[in-house]
C-alpha atoms as a PDB file:
ATOM      1  CA  MET A   1     117.758 119.099 121.201  1.00  0.00           C
ATOM      2  CA  THR A   2     117.901 118.443 117.505  1.00  0.00           C
ATOM      3  CA  THR A   3     114.473 117.625 116.113  1.00  0.00           C
ATOM      4  CA  VAL A   4     113.455 115.388 112.977  1.00  0.00           C
ATOM      5  CA  LEU A   5     112.683 118.676 111.375  1.00  0.00           C
ATOM      6  CA  ASP A   6     115.982 120.053 112.125  1.00  0.00           C
ATOM      7  CA  GLN A   7     117.631 116.916 110.593  1.00  0.00           C
ATOM      8  CA  LEU A   8     115.655 117.181 107.527  1.00  0.00           C
ATOM      9  CA  GLN A   9     116.336 120.622 107.030  1.00  0.00           C
ATOM     10  CA  ALA A  10     120.077 120.190 107.383  1.00  0.00           C
ATOM     11  CA  GLU A  11     120.057 118.326 103.898  1.00  0.00           C
ATOM     12  CA  PRO A  12     119.471 120.949 101.251  1.00  0.00           C
ATOM     13  CA  ALA A  13     118.269 118.383  98.633  1.00  0.00           C
ATOM     14  CA  LEU A  14     115.240 117.645 100.907  1.00  0.00           C
ATOM     15  CA  ALA A  15     114.130 121.347 101.014  1.00  0.00           C
ATOM     16  CA  TRP A  16     111.143 120.683  98.615  1.00  0.00           C
ATOM     17  CA  LYS A  17     110.183 117.651 100.417  1.00  0.00           C
ATOM     18  CA  VAL A  18     110.124 119.127 103.667  1.00  0.00           C
ATOM     19  CA  ALA A  19     108.111 122.238 102.543  1.00  0.00           C
ATOM     20  CA  VAL A  20     105.519 120.426 100.400  1.00  0.00           C
ATOM     21  CA  GLY A  21     105.573 116.882 101.724  1.00  0.00           C
ATOM     22  CA  VAL A  22     106.103 117.268 105.404  1.00  0.00           C
ATOM     23  CA  LEU A  23     104.835 120.772 106.198  1.00  0.00           C
ATOM     24  CA  GLY A  24     102.217 120.797 103.487  1.00  0.00           C
ATOM     25  CA  LYS A  25     102.877 124.158 101.827  1.00  0.00           C
ATOM     26  CA  ARG A  26     101.178 124.601  98.340  1.00  0.00           C
ATOM     27  CA  ASP A  27     103.506 123.939  95.420  1.00  0.00           C
ATOM     28  CA  ASP A  28     102.929 127.243  94.030  1.00  0.00           C
ATOM     29  CA  SER A  29     103.855 129.052  97.345  1.00  0.00           C
ATOM     30  CA  PRO A  30     106.741 131.099  97.922  1.00  0.00           C
ATOM     31  CA  GLU A  31     108.130 128.541 100.486  1.00  0.00           C
ATOM     32  CA  ALA A  32     107.855 125.797  97.989  1.00  0.00           C
ATOM     33  CA  GLN A  33     109.504 127.870  95.120  1.00  0.00           C
ATOM     34  CA  SER A  34     112.326 128.925  97.252  1.00  0.00           C
ATOM     35  CA  ALA A  35     112.848 125.216  98.377  1.00  0.00           C
ATOM     36  CA  ARG A  36     112.955 124.047  94.670  1.00  0.00           C
ATOM     37  CA  GLN A  37     115.796 126.555  94.226  1.00  0.00           C
ATOM     38  CA  ALA A  38     117.671 125.190  97.171  1.00  0.00           C
ATOM     39  CA  VAL A  39     117.299 121.668  95.754  1.00  0.00           C
ATOM     40  CA  ARG A  40     118.949 122.915  92.535  1.00  0.00           C
ATOM     41  CA  SER A  41     121.951 124.206  94.310  1.00  0.00           C
ATOM     42  CA  ALA A  42     122.295 121.332  96.839  1.00  0.00           C
ATOM     43  CA  PRO A  43     125.660 119.668  96.787  1.00  0.00           C
ATOM     44  CA  LEU A  44     124.042 116.176  96.483  1.00  0.00           C
ATOM     45  CA  VAL A  45     122.249 117.309  93.444  1.00  0.00           C
ATOM     46  CA  ARG A  46     125.334 118.927  91.781  1.00  0.00           C
ATOM     47  CA  THR A  47     127.270 115.713  92.498  1.00  0.00           C
ATOM     48  CA  LEU A  48     124.646 113.619  90.761  1.00  0.00           C
ATOM     49  CA  LEU A  49     124.625 115.930  87.810  1.00  0.00           C
ATOM     50  CA  SER A  50     128.325 115.931  87.568  1.00  0.00           C
ATOM     51  CA  ASP A  51     128.481 112.242  87.475  1.00  0.00           C
ATOM     52  CA  VAL A  52     126.011 111.536  84.631  1.00  0.00           C
ATOM     53  CA  ASP A  53     127.278 108.591  82.327  1.00  0.00           C
ATOM     54  CA  LYS A  54     128.022 110.101  79.059  1.00  0.00           C
ATOM     55  CA  ASP A  55     129.652 107.033  77.675  1.00  0.00           C
ATOM     56  CA  PRO A  56     128.560 106.952  73.972  1.00  0.00           C
ATOM     57  CA  TRP A  57     129.741 103.447  73.351  1.00  0.00           C
ATOM     58  CA  ASN A  58     126.282 102.211  72.998  1.00  0.00           C
ATOM     59  CA  LEU A  59     125.393 104.238  69.796  1.00  0.00           C
ATOM     60  CA  ASP A  60     125.911 103.031  66.200  1.00  0.00           C
ATOM     61  CA  ALA A  61     126.935 105.208  63.376  1.00  0.00           C
ATOM     62  CA  SER A  62     123.141 106.296  62.764  1.00  0.00           C
ATOM     63  CA  GLY A  63     122.719 107.432  66.471  1.00  0.00           C
ATOM     64  CA  ASP A  64     120.452 104.303  67.229  1.00  0.00           C
ATOM     65  CA  PHE A  65     121.217 102.166  70.452  1.00  0.00           C
ATOM     66  CA  LYS A  66     123.040  99.048  69.818  1.00  0.00           C
ATOM     67  CA  ARG A  67     122.595  97.371  73.044  1.00  0.00           C
ATOM     68  CA  PHE A  68     120.183  97.386  75.907  1.00  0.00           C
ATOM     69  CA  PRO A  69     119.953  96.126  79.340  1.00  0.00           C
ATOM     70  CA  GLY A  70     120.215  92.299  79.506  1.00  0.00           C
ATOM     71  CA  ASP A  71     122.332  92.153  76.421  1.00  0.00           C
ATOM     72  CA  ARG A  72     125.682  90.387  76.881  1.00  0.00           C
ATOM     73  CA  VAL A  73     128.965  91.819  76.007  1.00  0.00           C
ATOM     74  CA  PRO A  74     132.017  89.700  76.837  1.00  0.00           C
ATOM     75  CA  GLY A  75     134.348  91.652  79.126  1.00  0.00           C
ATOM     76  CA  ARG A  76     132.116  94.637  79.634  1.00  0.00           C
ATOM     77  CA  GLU A  77     128.887  95.513  81.369  1.00  0.00           C
ATOM     78  CA  ALA A  78     126.001  95.704  78.952  1.00  0.00           C
ATOM     79  CA  ARG A  79     123.984  98.733  79.171  1.00  0.00           C
ATOM     80  CA  CYS A  80     121.956 101.299  77.266  1.00  0.00           C
ATOM     81  CA  PHE A  81     123.899 104.402  78.698  1.00  0.00           C
ATOM     82  CA  PRO A  82     120.787 106.517  79.640  1.00  0.00           C
ATOM     83  CA  TYR A  83     119.897 103.345  81.892  1.00  0.00           C
ATOM     84  CA  SER A  84     123.189 102.736  83.430  1.00  0.00           C
ATOM     85  CA  LYS A  85     122.724 101.910  86.939  1.00  0.00           C
ATOM     86  CA  TRP A  86     122.552 104.364  88.740  1.00  0.00           C
ATOM     87  CA  CYS A  87     124.366 107.154  86.773  1.00  0.00           C
ATOM     88  CA  GLY A  88     122.513 107.104  83.434  1.00  0.00           C
ATOM     89  CA  SER A  89     120.326 110.081  82.311  1.00  0.00           C
ATOM     90  CA  HIS A  90     117.133 107.993  82.961  1.00  0.00           C
ATOM     91  CA  TRP A  91     118.121 107.446  86.604  1.00  0.00           C
ATOM     92  CA  ILE A  92     119.316 111.084  87.176  1.00  0.00           C
ATOM     93  CA  LEU A  93     116.368 112.584  85.877  1.00  0.00           C
ATOM     94  CA  SER A  94     113.928 110.330  88.058  1.00  0.00           C
ATOM     95  CA  SER A  95     115.967 111.402  91.201  1.00  0.00           C
ATOM     96  CA  LEU A  96     115.880 114.892  90.457  1.00  0.00           C
ATOM     97  CA  ALA A  97     112.111 114.862  89.799  1.00  0.00           C
ATOM     98  CA  ASP A  98     111.456 112.984  93.158  1.00  0.00           C
ATOM     99  CA  LEU A  99     113.584 115.612  94.870  1.00  0.00           C
ATOM    100  CA  GLY A 100     111.478 118.584  93.534  1.00  0.00           C
ATOM    101  CA  TYR A 101     114.144 120.102  91.216  1.00  0.00           C
ATOM    102  CA  PRO A 102     112.516 123.189  89.587  1.00  0.00           C
ATOM    103  CA  PRO A 103     110.858 122.422  86.348  1.00  0.00           C
ATOM    104  CA  GLY A 104     111.793 124.072  83.124  1.00  0.00           C
ATOM    105  CA  ASP A 105     115.528 123.834  83.386  1.00  0.00           C
ATOM    106  CA  GLU A 106     116.642 123.393  79.723  1.00  0.00           C
ATOM    107  CA  SER A 107     120.091 122.421  80.751  1.00  0.00           C
ATOM    108  CA  LEU A 108     118.451 118.985  81.492  1.00  0.00           C
ATOM    109  CA  ARG A 109     117.040 118.787  77.998  1.00  0.00           C
ATOM    110  CA  PRO A 110     119.818 116.678  76.505  1.00  0.00           C
ATOM    111  CA  MET A 111     119.366 114.095  79.231  1.00  0.00           C
ATOM    112  CA  MET A 112     115.568 114.071  78.530  1.00  0.00           C
ATOM    113  CA  ASP A 113     116.321 113.553  74.899  1.00  0.00           C
ATOM    114  CA  GLU A 114     118.685 110.966  75.524  1.00  0.00           C
ATOM    115  CA  THR A 115     116.187 108.982  77.624  1.00  0.00           C
ATOM    116  CA  PHE A 116     113.294 109.548  75.136  1.00  0.00           C
ATOM    117  CA  ASP A 117     115.426 108.500  72.228  1.00  0.00           C
ATOM    118  CA  CYS A 118     116.569 105.298  73.955  1.00  0.00           C
ATOM    119  CA  TRP A 119     112.948 104.135  74.703  1.00  0.00           C
ATOM    120  CA  LEU A 120     111.683 105.235  71.293  1.00  0.00           C
ATOM    121  CA  SER A 121     114.372 103.679  69.286  1.00  0.00           C
ATOM    122  CA  GLU A 122     114.209 100.763  66.803  1.00  0.00           C
ATOM    123  CA  THR A 123     116.541  98.682  68.699  1.00  0.00           C
ATOM    124  CA  HIS A 124     114.354  99.149  71.784  1.00  0.00           C
ATOM    125  CA  ARG A 125     111.183  98.194  69.840  1.00  0.00           C
ATOM    126  CA  LYS A 126     112.725  95.041  68.813  1.00  0.00           C
ATOM    127  CA  HIS A 127     113.043  93.906  72.496  1.00  0.00           C
ATOM    128  CA  ILE A 128     109.318  94.215  72.940  1.00  0.00           C
ATOM    129  CA  ARG A 129     107.494  90.748  73.058  1.00  0.00           C
ATOM    130  CA  LEU A 130     103.943  89.784  72.703  1.00  0.00           C
ATOM    131  CA  VAL A 131     103.364  86.344  74.499  1.00  0.00           C
ATOM    132  CA  ASN A 132      99.984  84.824  74.963  1.00  0.00           C
ATOM    133  CA  GLY A 133      98.248  88.152  74.271  1.00  0.00           C
ATOM    134  CA  ARG A 134     100.321  90.147  76.741  1.00  0.00           C
ATOM    135  CA  THR A 135     102.987  92.647  76.006  1.00  0.00           C
ATOM    136  CA  ARG A 136     106.191  91.790  78.134  1.00  0.00           C
ATOM    137  CA  ARG A 137     107.640  95.121  79.037  1.00  0.00           C
ATOM    138  CA  CYS A 138     110.019  96.685  81.709  1.00  0.00           C
ATOM    139  CA  ALA A 139     107.140  99.289  81.690  1.00  0.00           C
ATOM    140  CA  SER A 140     108.917 101.224  84.703  1.00  0.00           C
ATOM    141  CA  GLN A 141     111.287 102.408  81.876  1.00  0.00           C
ATOM    142  CA  GLU A 142     108.641 104.224  79.770  1.00  0.00           C
ATOM    143  CA  GLY A 143     106.913 105.007  83.076  1.00  0.00           C
ATOM    144  CA  ASN A 144     109.941 106.898  84.602  1.00  0.00           C
ATOM    145  CA  ALA A 145     110.230 108.833  81.347  1.00  0.00           C
ATOM    146  CA  VAL A 146     106.710 110.092  81.236  1.00  0.00           C
ATOM    147  CA  TRP A 147     106.832 110.826  85.016  1.00  0.00           C
ATOM    148  CA  SER A 148     110.178 112.507  84.919  1.00  0.00           C
ATOM    149  CA  SER A 149     109.299 114.767  81.850  1.00  0.00           C
ATOM    150  CA  LEU A 150     106.139 115.837  83.585  1.00  0.00           C
ATOM    151  CA  ARG A 151     107.620 116.620  86.841  1.00  0.00           C
ATOM    152  CA  LEU A 152     110.628 118.480  85.447  1.00  0.00           C
ATOM    153  CA  GLY A 153     108.658 120.481  82.821  1.00  0.00           C
ATOM    154  CA  LEU A 154     110.427 118.815  79.799  1.00  0.00           C
ATOM    155  CA  VAL A 155     107.398 117.528  78.223  1.00  0.00           C
ATOM    156  CA  ASP A 156     106.865 117.142  74.339  1.00  0.00           C
ATOM    157  CA  GLY A 157     105.003 114.812  71.907  1.00  0.00           C
ATOM    158  CA  ARG A 158     107.227 112.022  73.121  1.00  0.00           C
ATOM    159  CA  THR A 159     105.712 112.052  76.653  1.00  0.00           C
ATOM    160  CA  ALA A 160     102.353 111.350  74.977  1.00  0.00           C
ATOM    161  CA  GLU A 161     103.650 108.634  72.774  1.00  0.00           C
ATOM    162  CA  LEU A 162     105.119 106.705  75.639  1.00  0.00           C
ATOM    163  CA  ALA A 163     102.024 107.275  77.821  1.00  0.00           C
ATOM    164  CA  SER A 164      99.964 105.898  74.911  1.00  0.00           C
ATOM    165  CA  ARG A 165     102.294 102.865  74.634  1.00  0.00           C
ATOM    166  CA  LEU A 166     101.702 102.176  78.308  1.00  0.00           C
ATOM    167  CA  LEU A 167      97.981 102.218  77.780  1.00  0.00           C
ATOM    168  CA  ASP A 168      98.316  99.760  74.986  1.00  0.00           C
ATOM    169  CA  TRP A 169     100.525  97.429  77.038  1.00  0.00           C
ATOM    170  CA  GLN A 170      98.561  97.376  80.303  1.00  0.00           C
ATOM    171  CA  TRP A 171      97.582  93.773  81.079  1.00  0.00           C
ATOM    172  CA  PRO A 172      93.865  92.768  81.924  1.00  0.00           C
ATOM    173  CA  ASP A 173      94.560  92.778  85.764  1.00  0.00           C
ATOM    174  CA  GLY A 174      95.695  96.398  85.507  1.00  0.00           C
ATOM    175  CA  GLY A 175      99.434  96.267  85.517  1.00  0.00           C
ATOM    176  CA  TRP A 176     102.472  95.405  83.472  1.00  0.00           C
ATOM    177  CA  ASN A 177     105.034  92.706  83.499  1.00  0.00           C
ATOM    178  CA  CYS A 178     108.363  91.850  81.644  1.00  0.00           C
ATOM    179  CA  ASP A 179     108.204  88.050  82.457  1.00  0.00           C
ATOM    180  CA  LYS A 180     108.329  86.249  79.042  1.00  0.00           C
ATOM    181  CA  ARG A 181     106.953  82.805  80.373  1.00  0.00           C
ATOM    182  CA  PRO A 182     103.850  82.197  78.574  1.00  0.00           C
ATOM    183  CA  GLU A 183     102.026  80.930  81.779  1.00  0.00           C
ATOM    184  CA  VAL A 184     102.597  84.271  83.573  1.00  0.00           C
ATOM    185  CA  GLU A 185      99.345  86.123  83.767  1.00  0.00           C
ATOM    186  CA  THR A 186      99.723  88.253  86.859  1.00  0.00           C
ATOM    187  CA  SER A 187     101.284  91.748  86.814  1.00  0.00           C
ATOM    188  CA  SER A 188     104.447  92.464  88.489  1.00  0.00           C
ATOM    189  CA  PHE A 189     104.702  95.121  91.450  1.00  0.00           C
ATOM    190  CA  MET A 190     108.065  96.396  90.302  1.00  0.00           C
ATOM    191  CA  GLU A 191     106.967  96.874  86.786  1.00  0.00           C
ATOM    192  CA  THR A 192     103.561  98.535  87.602  1.00  0.00           C
ATOM    193  CA  LEU A 193     104.353 101.024  90.338  1.00  0.00           C
ATOM    194  CA  ILE A 194     106.129 103.497  88.216  1.00  0.00           C
ATOM    195  CA  PRO A 195     103.692 103.310  85.253  1.00  0.00           C
ATOM    196  CA  LEU A 196     100.875 104.002  87.839  1.00  0.00           C
ATOM    197  CA  ARG A 197     102.732 106.920  89.146  1.00  0.00           C
ATOM    198  CA  ALA A 198     103.286 108.274  85.631  1.00  0.00           C
ATOM    199  CA  LEU A 199      99.806 107.874  84.343  1.00  0.00           C
ATOM    200  CA  ALA A 200      98.266 109.265  87.534  1.00  0.00           C
ATOM    201  CA  LEU A 201     100.190 112.266  87.044  1.00  0.00           C
ATOM    202  CA  TYR A 202      99.587 112.334  83.218  1.00  0.00           C
ATOM    203  CA  ALA A 203      95.782 112.276  83.985  1.00  0.00           C
ATOM    204  CA  ARG A 204      95.841 115.148  86.332  1.00  0.00           C
ATOM    205  CA  VAL A 205      97.756 117.177  83.889  1.00  0.00           C
ATOM    206  CA  SER A 206      95.914 116.189  80.785  1.00  0.00           C
ATOM    207  CA  GLY A 207      92.386 115.576  82.284  1.00  0.00           C
ATOM    208  CA  ASP A 208      92.099 112.640  80.156  1.00  0.00           C
ATOM    209  CA  PRO A 209      89.400 110.185  81.565  1.00  0.00           C
ATOM    210  CA  GLN A 210      90.807 107.086  79.874  1.00  0.00           C
ATOM    211  CA  VAL A 211      94.400 107.608  81.471  1.00  0.00           C
ATOM    212  CA  ALA A 212      92.670 108.119  84.663  1.00  0.00           C
ATOM    213  CA  ALA A 213      90.824 104.917  84.486  1.00  0.00           C
ATOM    214  CA  ALA A 214      94.166 103.147  83.534  1.00  0.00           C
ATOM    215  CA  ALA A 215      95.786 104.596  86.663  1.00  0.00           C
ATOM    216  CA  GLU A 216      92.893 103.481  88.909  1.00  0.00           C
ATOM    217  CA  ARG A 217      93.082  99.921  87.499  1.00  0.00           C
ATOM    218  CA  ALA A 218      96.864  99.771  88.074  1.00  0.00           C
ATOM    219  CA  ALA A 219      96.273 100.964  91.737  1.00  0.00           C
ATOM    220  CA  GLU A 220      94.054  97.828  92.227  1.00  0.00           C
ATOM    221  CA  VAL A 221      96.977  95.633  91.410  1.00  0.00           C
ATOM    222  CA  PHE A 222      98.275  96.796  94.916  1.00  0.00           C
ATOM    223  CA  LEU A 223      95.249  97.854  96.853  1.00  0.00           C
ATOM    224  CA  LYS A 224      93.641  94.418  96.521  1.00  0.00           C
ATOM    225  CA  ARG A 225      96.902  92.742  98.003  1.00  0.00           C
ATOM    226  CA  ARG A 226      97.134  95.572 100.700  1.00  0.00           C
ATOM    227  CA  LEU A 227     100.535  96.767  99.185  1.00  0.00           C
ATOM    228  CA  PHE A 228     102.401  93.620 100.295  1.00  0.00           C
ATOM    229  CA  ARG A 229     100.254  90.626 100.977  1.00  0.00           C
ATOM    230  CA  ARG A 230      99.453  87.485  98.971  1.00  0.00           C
ATOM    231  CA  LEU A 231      95.842  87.008  97.784  1.00  0.00           C
ATOM    232  CA  ALA A 232      96.112  83.507  98.556  1.00  0.00           C
ATOM    233  CA  ASP A 233      96.826  83.566 102.338  1.00  0.00           C
ATOM    234  CA  GLY A 234      97.603  87.272 103.283  1.00  0.00           C
ATOM    235  CA  SER A 235     101.334  86.395 103.764  1.00  0.00           C
ATOM    236  CA  VAL A 236     104.208  88.735 102.913  1.00  0.00           C
ATOM    237  CA  MET A 237     104.772  88.623  99.163  1.00  0.00           C
ATOM    238  CA  ASP A 238     108.648  89.337  99.521  1.00  0.00           C
ATOM    239  CA  LYS A 239     110.803  90.178 102.455  1.00  0.00           C
ATOM    240  CA  HIS A 240     112.230  93.025 100.484  1.00  0.00           C
ATOM    241  CA  PHE A 241     108.681  94.570 100.132  1.00  0.00           C
ATOM    242  CA  VAL A 242     108.686  95.229 104.005  1.00  0.00           C
ATOM    243  CA  ARG A 243     112.168  96.795 104.237  1.00  0.00           C
ATOM    244  CA  LEU A 244     112.734 100.462 103.664  1.00  0.00           C
ATOM    245  CA  HIS A 245     114.992 101.939 101.079  1.00  0.00           C
ATOM    246  CA  TYR A 246     115.867 105.196  99.284  1.00  0.00           C
ATOM    247  CA  PRO A 247     116.035 105.328  96.468  1.00  0.00           C
ATOM    248  CA  VAL A 248     114.085 102.256  95.360  1.00  0.00           C
ATOM    249  CA  TYR A 249     114.857 102.833  91.628  1.00  0.00           C
ATOM    250  CA  TRP A 250     112.755 100.205  89.782  1.00  0.00           C
ATOM    251  CA  HIS A 251     112.372  98.115  92.916  1.00  0.00           C
ATOM    252  CA  TYR A 252     109.438  98.004  95.530  1.00  0.00           C
ATOM    253  CA  ASP A 253     108.660  98.478  99.094  1.00  0.00           C
ATOM    254  CA  ILE A 254     105.819  99.504 101.136  1.00  0.00           C
ATOM    255  CA  LEU A 255     107.022 103.011 101.461  1.00  0.00           C
ATOM    256  CA  ALA A 256     107.259 103.329  97.720  1.00  0.00           C
ATOM    257  CA  GLY A 257     103.855 101.877  97.216  1.00  0.00           C
ATOM    258  CA  LEU A 258     102.384 104.222  99.981  1.00  0.00           C
ATOM    259  CA  LYS A 259     104.052 107.404  98.580  1.00  0.00           C
ATOM    260  CA  VAL A 260     102.473 106.510  94.891  1.00  0.00           C
ATOM    261  CA  MET A 261      99.121 105.769  96.536  1.00  0.00           C
ATOM    262  CA  ALA A 262      99.296 109.302  98.220  1.00  0.00           C
ATOM    263  CA  GLU A 263     100.317 111.009  94.851  1.00  0.00           C
ATOM    264  CA  ALA A 264      97.652 109.219  92.999  1.00  0.00           C
ATOM    265  CA  GLY A 265      94.864 110.025  95.529  1.00  0.00           C
ATOM    266  CA  PHE A 266      94.532 106.376  96.965  1.00  0.00           C
ATOM    267  CA  ILE A 267      96.122 106.848 100.252  1.00  0.00           C
ATOM    268  CA  ARG A 268      92.756 106.996 102.242  1.00  0.00           C
ATOM    269  CA  ASP A 269      91.690 103.675 100.756  1.00  0.00           C
ATOM    270  CA  PRO A 270      91.310 101.449 103.805  1.00  0.00           C
ATOM    271  CA  ARG A 271      93.276  98.700 102.102  1.00  0.00           C
ATOM    272  CA  CYS A 272      96.411 100.870 102.666  1.00  0.00           C
ATOM    273  CA  ASN A 273      96.080 100.647 106.408  1.00  0.00           C
ATOM    274  CA  ASP A 274      98.037  97.389 106.774  1.00  0.00           C
ATOM    275  CA  ALA A 275     100.973  99.015 105.160  1.00  0.00           C
ATOM    276  CA  LEU A 276     100.650 102.369 106.940  1.00  0.00           C
ATOM    277  CA  ASP A 277     100.439 100.284 110.321  1.00  0.00           C
ATOM    278  CA  LEU A 278     103.698  98.651 109.490  1.00  0.00           C
ATOM    279  CA  LEU A 279     105.293 101.677 108.349  1.00  0.00           C
ATOM    280  CA  GLU A 280     104.579 103.426 111.628  1.00  0.00           C
ATOM    281  CA  SER A 281     105.858 100.328 113.543  1.00  0.00           C
ATOM    282  CA  LYS A 282     109.360 101.234 112.039  1.00  0.00           C
ATOM    283  CA  ARG A 283     109.568 104.714 113.487  1.00  0.00           C
ATOM    284  CA  LEU A 284     112.505 105.338 115.719  1.00  0.00           C
ATOM    285  CA  PRO A 285     112.279 106.682 119.077  1.00  0.00           C
ATOM    286  CA  GLY A 286     113.557 110.177 117.968  1.00  0.00           C
ATOM    287  CA  GLY A 287     110.895 110.413 115.363  1.00  0.00           C
ATOM    288  CA  GLY A 288     112.834 109.362 112.085  1.00  0.00           C
ATOM    289  CA  PHE A 289     112.736 106.172 109.908  1.00  0.00           C
ATOM    290  CA  PRO A 290     115.546 103.995 108.922  1.00  0.00           C
ATOM    291  CA  ALA A 291     116.860 103.051 105.567  1.00  0.00           C
ATOM    292  CA  GLU A 292     116.906  99.260 106.175  1.00  0.00           C
ATOM    293  CA  MET A 293     118.740  98.249 102.789  1.00  0.00           C
ATOM    294  CA  THR A 294     120.077  99.890  99.816  1.00  0.00           C
ATOM    295  CA  TYR A 295     120.132  99.151  96.056  1.00  0.00           C
ATOM    296  CA  SER A 296     123.082 101.221  95.388  1.00  0.00           C
ATOM    297  CA  GLN A 297     126.901 101.333  96.273  1.00  0.00           C
ATOM    298  CA  SER A 298     129.042 104.291  96.412  1.00  0.00           C
ATOM    299  CA  THR A 299     132.504 102.841  96.578  1.00  0.00           C
ATOM    300  CA  ARG A 300     133.365 101.080  93.206  1.00  0.00           C
ATOM    301  CA  PRO A 301     132.287 103.167  90.071  1.00  0.00           C
ATOM    302  CA  SER A 302     133.403 100.409  87.733  1.00  0.00           C
ATOM    303  CA  LEU A 303     130.386  98.206  89.041  1.00  0.00           C
ATOM    304  CA  SER A 304     126.707  98.242  88.056  1.00  0.00           C
ATOM    305  CA  GLY A 305     124.667  99.946  90.863  1.00  0.00           C
ATOM    306  CA  TYR A 306     127.184 102.676  91.544  1.00  0.00           C
ATOM    307  CA  THR A 307     125.943 106.309  92.844  1.00  0.00           C
ATOM    308  CA  PRO A 308     128.383 109.062  93.828  1.00  0.00           C
ATOM    309  CA  VAL A 309     126.076 109.848  96.824  1.00  0.00           C
ATOM    310  CA  THR A 310     125.235 107.746 100.002  1.00  0.00           C
ATOM    311  CA  TRP A 311     121.589 108.764 100.246  1.00  0.00           C
ATOM    312  CA  GLY A 312     121.857 109.160 104.122  1.00  0.00           C
ATOM    313  CA  GLY A 313     123.194 105.542 104.691  1.00  0.00           C
ATOM    314  CA  THR A 314     121.557 102.524 106.182  1.00  0.00           C
ATOM    315  CA  GLY A 315     120.977 100.903 109.597  1.00  0.00           C
ATOM    316  CA  LYS A 316     118.179  99.540 111.530  1.00  0.00           C
ATOM    317  CA  VAL A 317     118.381 102.138 114.518  1.00  0.00           C
ATOM    318  CA  ARG A 318     119.888 105.114 112.444  1.00  0.00           C
ATOM    319  CA  PRO A 319     117.469 107.478 110.874  1.00  0.00           C
ATOM    320  CA  ASN A 320     117.808 108.207 107.151  1.00  0.00           C
ATOM    321  CA  PRO A 321     116.517 111.651 106.269  1.00  0.00           C
ATOM    322  CA  PHE A 322     115.371 110.719 102.777  1.00  0.00           C
ATOM    323  CA  VAL A 323     113.222 107.787 103.946  1.00  0.00           C
ATOM    324  CA  THR A 324     111.968 109.862 106.962  1.00  0.00           C
ATOM    325  CA  ALA A 325     110.833 112.736 104.551  1.00  0.00           C
ATOM    326  CA  ASP A 326     109.022 110.287 102.331  1.00  0.00           C
ATOM    327  CA  ALA A 327     107.320 108.511 105.543  1.00  0.00           C
ATOM    328  CA  LEU A 328     106.367 111.713 107.042  1.00  0.00           C
ATOM    329  CA  TYR A 329     104.781 112.770 103.856  1.00  0.00           C
ATOM    330  CA  VAL A 330     102.860 109.426 103.517  1.00  0.00           C
ATOM    331  CA  LEU A 331     101.514 109.683 107.113  1.00  0.00           C
ATOM    332  CA  ARG A 332     100.478 113.360 106.523  1.00  0.00           C
ATOM    333  CA  MET A 333      98.603 112.365 103.424  1.00  0.00           C
ATOM    334  CA  ALA A 334      97.022 109.444 105.358  1.00  0.00           C
ATOM    335  CA  GLY A 335      95.886 111.784 108.244  1.00  0.00           C
ATOM    336  CA  ARG A 336      98.308 110.120 110.595  1.00  0.00           C
ATOM    337  CA  LEU A 337     101.048 112.759 111.207  1.00  0.00           C
ATOM    338  CA  VAL A 338     101.379 115.035 114.100  1.00  0.00           C
ATOM    339  CA  GLN A 339     103.250 117.795 112.643  1.00  0.00           C
ATOM    340  CA  PRO A 340     107.100 117.504 113.606  1.00  0.00           C
ATOM    341  CA  SER A 341     108.605 120.353 115.301  1.00  0.00           C
END
């Protein structure tokens, strides 16, 4: 009989997640290093890398970016090409980092440079707004760049600059938000999770207590809401938060929240228990977990949200290997996993 572990090991792109996340091998172990190399050569990864959006139409003569997400261009999708959903450098790098692609691969440097240059450009700076004393930013953008550069071993001074900006833009309640309405004073889950992920890793690498404190404040945005419940009445904040996806990209669900809590060292906080219970309730009879929705499409390259890979497919009774690998990692870190065979 095929086991859950067999199903996961059948996907080479999951080799590192299985070795380190599910089986608990040390990241510096021979097994983990071998797994990273398997990820590098996995067909899914090669497909992602071959389909990176290299369309330079968004650059002006000086090399600056003319347009950004949200700009309107008649007859054409507006985009900053490193941020093209989901084939821009920004997204490919974050996917590779999440899969455990081996760090230090200089062939990825041009993509990292494009991403850094995008978020550090003068055009981007002009899109940043201060309203009622709060910086309105899609901070997941800077957060992903910081996190990806750390995980992929492509760190330079721009990593520190973007991390510093995240600290400067952090709202009083601990998170970030791009909502420009003056009356909005509460952080967004979608704009806070990725900066939390980035700053938690940056704090661990740098040992900077200020960054660690900022990450802890960001974690409170989620923990005090038990990762998916409204403060006012305990109801579900958003129906999409309790449906599983992979990848979530800039979106949010309980699995993404729990995964970051595990990475950042907060998964044993009892306020994670409601989300952990809900996650466990979604486990299928065979031991896997489904992808209940998707934020991407793989059939029409001309449309926003295109990806050349299917990420395991969706369905309520069909296990998705990528969701399963992350769910088993979370449960192991929470002390709730009986090791799969």
